[in-house]
Amino acid sequence: MDLSNLTVAQLRVLQEQVKQSLKDREQEEMTKAREQILAIAQTAGISLKDLLSIPARNKNNVTKAKVAVRYRSPSDASLQWTGRGRQPKWVQEWISSGKSLDALHV
C-alpha cells in the first residue's frame, strides 16, 4: 500500500481504522485462547474453578531471610546494624571518636 499519495486527513482515518482493527483482532485472539485453554482443562479433567485457583509462582512473593545483626552499641542494645547499607549515625559517631568498628561486633 502506497501511503505517499494520501492526505493527512486520509492518513488519520487510516490510523483510526488500524487501531480499531488491532482491538478487534486482539479480542478475537483472546477469545480463541480462552476456548483452547478451557478445552485443554476439560480434556485433563480439571474444572475451571480448580484451574483458576492455582496460585501463580511469582518471584515477588518469595520471602527474604532476615540478615543477622553484626554490630550493636555497647551503651544502648537497641542500636543495631547488620553491616549492610549506609552506616547509621551512631556508628559514624563511634568511628569518628577514634574507636574501632570491631569493638561493636557482636
C-alpha atoms as a PDB file:
ATOM      1  CA  MET A   1       0.000   0.000   0.000  1.00  0.00           C
ATOM      2  CA  ASP A   2       1.495   3.314  -1.088  1.00  0.00           C
ATOM      3  CA  LEU A   3       0.853   5.896   1.637  1.00  0.00           C
ATOM      4  CA  SER A   4       2.746   8.731  -0.020  1.00  0.00           C
ATOM      5  CA  ASN A   5      -0.295   9.826  -2.078  1.00  0.00           C
ATOM      6  CA  LEU A   6      -2.670  10.072   0.893  1.00  0.00           C
ATOM      7  CA  THR A   7      -3.547  13.356   2.563  1.00  0.00           C
ATOM      8  CA  VAL A   8      -3.018  13.937   6.265  1.00  0.00           C
ATOM      9  CA  ALA A   9      -6.769  13.548   6.863  1.00  0.00           C
ATOM     10  CA  GLN A  10      -6.801  10.244   4.975  1.00  0.00           C
ATOM     11  CA  LEU A  11      -3.793   9.017   6.949  1.00  0.00           C
ATOM     12  CA  ARG A  12      -5.537   9.876  10.230  1.00  0.00           C
ATOM     13  CA  VAL A  13      -8.647   7.961   9.140  1.00  0.00           C
ATOM     14  CA  LEU A  14      -6.441   5.026   8.204  1.00  0.00           C
ATOM     15  CA  GLN A  15      -4.697   5.258  11.574  1.00  0.00           C
ATOM     16  CA  GLU A  16      -8.033   5.016  13.408  1.00  0.00           C
ATOM     17  CA  GLN A  17      -9.056   2.068  11.254  1.00  0.00           C
ATOM     18  CA  VAL A  18      -5.800   0.300  12.104  1.00  0.00           C
ATOM     19  CA  LYS A  19      -6.342   0.927  15.824  1.00  0.00           C
ATOM     20  CA  GLN A  20      -9.851  -0.496  15.656  1.00  0.00           C
ATOM     21  CA  SER A  21      -8.701  -3.483  13.617  1.00  0.00           C
ATOM     22  CA  LEU A  22      -5.983  -4.201  16.188  1.00  0.00           C
ATOM     23  CA  LYS A  23      -8.511  -4.091  19.029  1.00  0.00           C
ATOM     24  CA  ASP A  24     -10.853  -6.420  17.154  1.00  0.00           C
ATOM     25  CA  ARG A  25      -8.060  -8.855  16.279  1.00  0.00           C
ATOM     26  CA  GLU A  26      -6.738  -8.907  19.853  1.00  0.00           C
ATOM     27  CA  GLN A  27     -10.246  -9.626  21.158  1.00  0.00           C
ATOM     28  CA  GLU A  28     -10.660 -12.491  18.680  1.00  0.00           C
ATOM     29  CA  GLU A  29      -7.307 -13.990  19.672  1.00  0.00           C
ATOM     30  CA  MET A  30      -8.155 -13.678  23.373  1.00  0.00           C
ATOM     31  CA  THR A  31     -11.452 -15.493  22.797  1.00  0.00           C
ATOM     32  CA  LYS A  32      -9.699 -18.277  20.849  1.00  0.00           C
ATOM     33  CA  ALA A  33      -7.049 -18.626  23.568  1.00  0.00           C
ATOM     34  CA  ARG A  34      -9.721 -18.920  26.280  1.00  0.00           C
ATOM     35  CA  GLU A  35     -11.539 -21.579  24.295  1.00  0.00           C
ATOM     36  CA  GLN A  36      -8.307 -23.541  23.805  1.00  0.00           C
ATOM     37  CA  ILE A  37      -7.417 -23.312  27.487  1.00  0.00           C
ATOM     38  CA  LEU A  38     -10.884 -24.478  28.534  1.00  0.00           C
ATOM     39  CA  ALA A  39     -10.722 -27.367  26.062  1.00  0.00           C
ATOM     40  CA  ILE A  40      -7.336 -28.462  27.436  1.00  0.00           C
ATOM     41  CA  ALA A  41      -8.619 -28.209  31.008  1.00  0.00           C
ATOM     42  CA  GLN A  42     -11.694 -30.283  30.165  1.00  0.00           C
ATOM     43  CA  THR A  43      -9.541 -32.903  28.449  1.00  0.00           C
ATOM     44  CA  ALA A  44      -7.351 -33.089  31.557  1.00  0.00           C
ATOM     45  CA  GLY A  45     -10.416 -33.319  33.796  1.00  0.00           C
ATOM     46  CA  ILE A  46      -9.725 -30.017  35.541  1.00  0.00           C
ATOM     47  CA  SER A  47     -12.626 -27.757  36.411  1.00  0.00           C
ATOM     48  CA  LEU A  48     -12.499 -24.067  35.618  1.00  0.00           C
ATOM     49  CA  LYS A  49     -12.685 -23.305  39.340  1.00  0.00           C
ATOM     50  CA  ASP A  50      -9.646 -25.503  40.055  1.00  0.00           C
ATOM     51  CA  LEU A  51      -7.778 -24.077  37.098  1.00  0.00           C
ATOM     52  CA  LEU A  52      -8.260 -20.503  38.273  1.00  0.00           C
ATOM     53  CA  SER A  53      -7.481 -21.237  41.930  1.00  0.00           C
ATOM     54  CA  ILE A  54      -3.908 -22.370  41.265  1.00  0.00           C
ATOM     55  CA  PRO A  55      -1.649 -19.607  42.591  1.00  0.00           C
ATOM     56  CA  ALA A  56       0.918 -18.399  40.097  1.00  0.00           C
ATOM     57  CA  ARG A  57       4.530 -18.539  41.212  1.00  0.00           C
ATOM     58  CA  ASN A  58       5.818 -15.040  41.499  1.00  0.00           C
ATOM     59  CA  LYS A  59       9.360 -14.107  42.410  1.00  0.00           C
ATOM     60  CA  ASN A  60       7.970 -11.093  44.290  1.00  0.00           C
ATOM     61  CA  ASN A  61       6.141 -13.438  46.692  1.00  0.00           C
ATOM     62  CA  VAL A  62       9.389 -15.006  47.859  1.00  0.00           C
ATOM     63  CA  THR A  63      10.101 -14.212  51.481  1.00  0.00           C
ATOM     64  CA  LYS A  64      13.554 -12.937  52.173  1.00  0.00           C
ATOM     65  CA  ALA A  65      15.561 -14.161  55.116  1.00  0.00           C
ATOM     66  CA  LYS A  66      16.407 -11.582  57.736  1.00  0.00           C
ATOM     67  CA  VAL A  67      20.033 -10.563  57.963  1.00  0.00           C
ATOM     68  CA  ALA A  68      21.696 -11.116  61.316  1.00  0.00           C
ATOM     69  CA  VAL A  69      22.817  -8.126  63.343  1.00  0.00           C
ATOM     70  CA  ARG A  70      26.609  -7.756  63.209  1.00  0.00           C
ATOM     71  CA  TYR A  71      27.114  -4.589  65.227  1.00  0.00           C
ATOM     72  CA  ARG A  72      25.476  -3.405  68.438  1.00  0.00           C
ATOM     73  CA  SER A  73      26.048  -0.318  70.538  1.00  0.00           C
ATOM     74  CA  PRO A  74      27.574  -1.144  73.942  1.00  0.00           C
ATOM     75  CA  SER A  75      25.655   1.700  75.607  1.00  0.00           C
ATOM     76  CA  ASP A  76      22.226   1.007  74.025  1.00  0.00           C
ATOM     77  CA  ALA A  77      21.415  -2.544  72.872  1.00  0.00           C
ATOM     78  CA  SER A  78      18.515  -1.284  70.752  1.00  0.00           C
ATOM     79  CA  LEU A  79      21.016   0.406  68.407  1.00  0.00           C
ATOM     80  CA  GLN A  80      21.881  -2.342  65.934  1.00  0.00           C
ATOM     81  CA  TRP A  81      23.291  -2.575  62.420  1.00  0.00           C
ATOM     82  CA  THR A  82      23.614  -5.511  60.040  1.00  0.00           C
ATOM     83  CA  GLY A  83      26.675  -4.082  58.330  1.00  0.00           C
ATOM     84  CA  ARG A  84      24.742  -3.553  55.119  1.00  0.00           C
ATOM     85  CA  GLY A  85      23.852  -0.222  53.603  1.00  0.00           C
ATOM     86  CA  ARG A  86      24.875   3.138  54.965  1.00  0.00           C
ATOM     87  CA  GLN A  87      26.371   3.290  58.396  1.00  0.00           C
ATOM     88  CA  PRO A  88      23.894   4.559  60.972  1.00  0.00           C
ATOM     89  CA  LYS A  89      24.690   7.858  62.643  1.00  0.00           C
ATOM     90  CA  TRP A  90      25.610   6.172  65.911  1.00  0.00           C
ATOM     91  CA  VAL A  91      28.207   4.011  64.081  1.00  0.00           C
ATOM     92  CA  GLN A  92      29.637   7.062  62.302  1.00  0.00           C
ATOM     93  CA  GLU A  93      29.919   8.899  65.641  1.00  0.00           C
ATOM     94  CA  TRP A  94      31.598   5.859  67.223  1.00  0.00           C
ATOM     95  CA  ILE A  95      34.202   5.668  64.439  1.00  0.00           C
ATOM     96  CA  SER A  96      34.779   9.445  64.342  1.00  0.00           C
ATOM     97  CA  SER A  97      35.536   9.386  68.089  1.00  0.00           C
ATOM     98  CA  GLY A  98      38.539   7.188  67.254  1.00  0.00           C
ATOM     99  CA  LYS A  99      37.053   3.861  68.301  1.00  0.00           C
ATOM    100  CA  SER A 100      37.239   0.717  66.208  1.00  0.00           C
ATOM    101  CA  LEU A 101      34.258  -0.770  64.377  1.00  0.00           C
ATOM    102  CA  ASP A 102      35.459  -4.183  65.563  1.00  0.00           C
ATOM    103  CA  ALA A 103      34.622  -3.138  69.142  1.00  0.00           C
ATOM    104  CA  LEU A 104      30.933  -3.070  68.139  1.00  0.00           C
ATOM    105  CA  HIS A 105      30.995  -6.504  66.533  1.00  0.00           C
ATOM    106  CA  VAL A 106      28.519  -8.923  68.092  1.00  0.00           C
END
